């Protein structure tokens, strides 16, 4: 003799399976949404990081350019000072007023030997 299953038992099992399937579907949707949000957040963070790197590079380039310009201006001032000092030294040497005694040797020799020259 075959045992017949109670009609209410089959309905309970089907309802339980439907609830399990509904819960499973619900969690899959929640996981998919969470993954999407995580991906969006990751893309946003990457974009922010790229923007921050580009901004830092631009700031570094601007700072480097400013410092380079300042160094050039300082070098130009220093070079102008050296040239001016050289011009003064050249003018002094042309007048016989150099910094060293060797620069005045012709004037000194002329003064010393002038006393020995015949009139």
C-alpha atoms as a PDB file:
ATOM      1  CA  UNK A   1       0.000   0.000   0.000  1.00  0.00           C
ATOM      2  CA  UNK A   2       1.250   3.414  -0.860  1.00  0.00           C
ATOM      3  CA  UNK A   3       1.271   6.049   1.744  1.00  0.00           C
ATOM      4  CA  UNK A   4      -0.305   9.219   0.591  1.00  0.00           C
ATOM      5  CA  UNK A   5       1.259  12.468   1.669  1.00  0.00           C
ATOM      6  CA  UNK A   6      -0.900  14.852   3.483  1.00  0.00           C
ATOM      7  CA  UNK A   7      -2.130  17.608   1.180  1.00  0.00           C
ATOM      8  CA  UNK A   8      -1.072  20.340   3.624  1.00  0.00           C
ATOM      9  CA  UNK A   9       2.471  19.032   3.825  1.00  0.00           C
ATOM     10  CA  UNK A  10       3.136  19.621   0.133  1.00  0.00           C
ATOM     11  CA  UNK A  11       1.839  23.160   0.320  1.00  0.00           C
ATOM     12  CA  UNK A  12       4.069  23.918   3.324  1.00  0.00           C
ATOM     13  CA  UNK A  13       7.138  22.644   1.509  1.00  0.00           C
ATOM     14  CA  UNK A  14       6.340  24.670  -1.606  1.00  0.00           C
ATOM     15  CA  UNK A  15       5.747  27.788   0.456  1.00  0.00           C
ATOM     16  CA  UNK A  16       9.037  27.253   2.289  1.00  0.00           C
ATOM     17  CA  UNK A  17      10.877  26.865  -1.028  1.00  0.00           C
ATOM     18  CA  UNK A  18       9.206  30.020  -2.341  1.00  0.00           C
ATOM     19  CA  UNK A  19      10.326  31.934   0.753  1.00  0.00           C
ATOM     20  CA  UNK A  20      13.873  30.612   0.404  1.00  0.00           C
ATOM     21  CA  UNK A  21      13.918  31.588  -3.289  1.00  0.00           C
ATOM     22  CA  UNK A  22      12.498  35.048  -2.505  1.00  0.00           C
ATOM     23  CA  UNK A  23      15.098  35.581   0.228  1.00  0.00           C
ATOM     24  CA  UNK A  24      17.848  34.377  -2.105  1.00  0.00           C
ATOM     25  CA  UNK A  25      16.669  36.758  -4.855  1.00  0.00           C
ATOM     26  CA  UNK A  26      16.440  39.613  -2.358  1.00  0.00           C
ATOM     27  CA  UNK A  27      20.022  39.033  -1.172  1.00  0.00           C
ATOM     28  CA  UNK A  28      21.312  38.746  -4.734  1.00  0.00           C
ATOM     29  CA  UNK A  29      19.771  42.145  -5.501  1.00  0.00           C
ATOM     30  CA  UNK A  30      21.287  43.605  -2.333  1.00  0.00           C
ATOM     31  CA  UNK A  31      24.711  42.154  -3.196  1.00  0.00           C
ATOM     32  CA  UNK A  32      24.498  43.440  -6.763  1.00  0.00           C
ATOM     33  CA  UNK A  33      23.568  46.901  -5.479  1.00  0.00           C
ATOM     34  CA  UNK A  34      26.392  46.838  -2.933  1.00  0.00           C
ATOM     35  CA  UNK A  35      28.888  45.782  -5.616  1.00  0.00           C
ATOM     36  CA  UNK A  36      27.653  48.587  -7.874  1.00  0.00           C
ATOM     37  CA  UNK A  37      28.026  51.135  -5.078  1.00  0.00           C
ATOM     38  CA  UNK A  38      31.490  49.847  -4.258  1.00  0.00           C
ATOM     39  CA  UNK A  39      32.521  50.077  -7.925  1.00  0.00           C
ATOM     40  CA  UNK A  40      31.143  53.620  -8.173  1.00  0.00           C
ATOM     41  CA  UNK A  41      32.960  54.614  -4.996  1.00  0.00           C
ATOM     42  CA  UNK A  42      36.185  53.084  -6.295  1.00  0.00           C
ATOM     43  CA  UNK A  43      35.870  54.924  -9.615  1.00  0.00           C
ATOM     44  CA  UNK A  44      35.145  58.173  -7.776  1.00  0.00           C
ATOM     45  CA  UNK A  45      38.178  57.665  -5.530  1.00  0.00           C
ATOM     46  CA  UNK A  46      40.382  56.898  -8.529  1.00  0.00           C
ATOM     47  CA  UNK A  47      39.153  60.026 -10.291  1.00  0.00           C
ATOM     48  CA  UNK A  48      39.788  62.079  -7.144  1.00  0.00           C
ATOM     49  CA  UNK A  49      43.271  60.600  -6.811  1.00  0.00           C
ATOM     50  CA  UNK A  50      44.054  61.336 -10.463  1.00  0.00           C
ATOM     51  CA  UNK A  51      42.812  64.907 -10.029  1.00  0.00           C
ATOM     52  CA  UNK A  52      44.911  65.322  -6.870  1.00  0.00           C
ATOM     53  CA  UNK A  53      48.018  64.011  -8.631  1.00  0.00           C
ATOM     54  CA  UNK A  54      47.454  66.340 -11.592  1.00  0.00           C
ATOM     55  CA  UNK A  55      46.918  69.285  -9.251  1.00  0.00           C
ATOM     56  CA  UNK A  56      50.092  68.423  -7.330  1.00  0.00           C
ATOM     57  CA  UNK A  57      52.041  68.129 -10.587  1.00  0.00           C
ATOM     58  CA  UNK A  58      50.721  71.494 -11.765  1.00  0.00           C
ATOM     59  CA  UNK A  59      51.627  73.088  -8.439  1.00  0.00           C
ATOM     60  CA  UNK A  60      55.100  71.526  -8.540  1.00  0.00           C
ATOM     61  CA  UNK A  61      55.608  72.724 -12.118  1.00  0.00           C
ATOM     62  CA  UNK A  62      54.514  76.249 -11.176  1.00  0.00           C
ATOM     63  CA  UNK A  63      56.788  76.217  -8.113  1.00  0.00           C
ATOM     64  CA  UNK A  64      59.692  74.913 -10.173  1.00  0.00           C
ATOM     65  CA  UNK A  65      59.129  77.590 -12.813  1.00  0.00           C
ATOM     66  CA  UNK A  66      58.986  80.323 -10.167  1.00  0.00           C
ATOM     67  CA  UNK A  67      62.166  79.100  -8.487  1.00  0.00           C
ATOM     68  CA  UNK A  68      63.910  78.787 -11.836  1.00  0.00           C
ATOM     69  CA  UNK A  69      62.921  82.340 -12.729  1.00  0.00           C
ATOM     70  CA  UNK A  70      64.148  83.575  -9.345  1.00  0.00           C
ATOM     71  CA  UNK A  71      67.447  81.711  -9.816  1.00  0.00           C
ATOM     72  CA  UNK A  72      67.846  83.215 -13.281  1.00  0.00           C
ATOM     73  CA  UNK A  73      67.189  86.704 -11.939  1.00  0.00           C
ATOM     74  CA  UNK A  74      69.735  86.146  -9.137  1.00  0.00           C
ATOM     75  CA  UNK A  75      72.283  84.820 -11.634  1.00  0.00           C
ATOM     76  CA  UNK A  76      71.673  87.830 -13.884  1.00  0.00           C
ATOM     77  CA  UNK A  77      72.180  90.221 -10.924  1.00  0.00           C
ATOM     78  CA  UNK A  78      75.351  88.395  -9.922  1.00  0.00           C
ATOM     79  CA  UNK A  79      76.642  88.405 -13.494  1.00  0.00           C
ATOM     80  CA  UNK A  80      75.883  92.124 -13.818  1.00  0.00           C
ATOM     81  CA  UNK A  81      77.805  92.751 -10.585  1.00  0.00           C
ATOM     82  CA  UNK A  82      80.769  90.740 -11.839  1.00  0.00           C
ATOM     83  CA  UNK A  83      80.740  92.578 -15.168  1.00  0.00           C
ATOM     84  CA  UNK A  84      80.529  95.953 -13.400  1.00  0.00           C
ATOM     85  CA  UNK A  85      83.399  94.995 -11.100  1.00  0.00           C
ATOM     86  CA  UNK A  86      85.430  93.865 -14.100  1.00  0.00           C
ATOM     87  CA  UNK A  87      84.736  97.116 -15.933  1.00  0.00           C
ATOM     88  CA  UNK A  88      85.821  99.133 -12.892  1.00  0.00           C
ATOM     89  CA  UNK A  89      88.980  97.055 -12.628  1.00  0.00           C
ATOM     90  CA  UNK A  90      89.662  97.519 -16.336  1.00  0.00           C
ATOM     91  CA  UNK A  91      89.167 101.286 -16.068  1.00  0.00           C
ATOM     92  CA  UNK A  92      91.407 101.399 -13.015  1.00  0.00           C
ATOM     93  CA  UNK A  93      94.043  99.368 -14.816  1.00  0.00           C
ATOM     94  CA  UNK A  94      93.827 101.696 -17.807  1.00  0.00           C
ATOM     95  CA  UNK A  95      94.448 104.653 -15.463  1.00  0.00           C
ATOM     96  CA  UNK A  96      97.263 102.768 -13.719  1.00  0.00           C
ATOM     97  CA  UNK A  97      95.300 102.384 -10.488  1.00  0.00           C
ATOM     98  CA  UNK A  98      95.092  98.628 -10.229  1.00  0.00           C
ATOM     99  CA  UNK A  99      94.725  96.734  -7.010  1.00  0.00           C
ATOM    100  CA  UNK A 100      98.175  95.182  -7.078  1.00  0.00           C
ATOM    101  CA  UNK A 101     101.595  96.905  -7.150  1.00  0.00           C
ATOM    102  CA  UNK A 102     102.349  95.107 -10.401  1.00  0.00           C
ATOM    103  CA  UNK A 103      99.450  97.041 -11.947  1.00  0.00           C
ATOM    104  CA  UNK A 104     101.270 100.313 -11.092  1.00  0.00           C
ATOM    105  CA  UNK A 105     104.743  99.199 -12.150  1.00  0.00           C
ATOM    106  CA  UNK A 106     104.956 101.411 -15.227  1.00  0.00           C
ATOM    107  CA  UNK A 107     103.973 104.518 -13.267  1.00  0.00           C
ATOM    108  CA  UNK A 108     106.383 103.631 -10.436  1.00  0.00           C
ATOM    109  CA  UNK A 109     109.268 102.922 -12.828  1.00  0.00           C
ATOM    110  CA  UNK A 110     108.632 106.158 -14.687  1.00  0.00           C
ATOM    111  CA  UNK A 111     108.624 108.096 -11.407  1.00  0.00           C
ATOM    112  CA  UNK A 112     111.782 106.412 -10.122  1.00  0.00           C
ATOM    113  CA  UNK A 113     113.674 106.572 -13.398  1.00  0.00           C
ATOM    114  CA  UNK A 114     112.623 110.148 -14.026  1.00  0.00           C
ATOM    115  CA  UNK A 115     115.233 111.275 -11.516  1.00  0.00           C
ATOM    116  CA  UNK A 116     118.022 109.542 -13.469  1.00  0.00           C
ATOM    117  CA  UNK A 117     117.142 110.900 -16.867  1.00  0.00           C
ATOM    118  CA  UNK A 118     119.268 113.629 -18.346  1.00  0.00           C
ATOM    119  CA  UNK A 119     117.644 116.877 -19.014  1.00  0.00           C
END
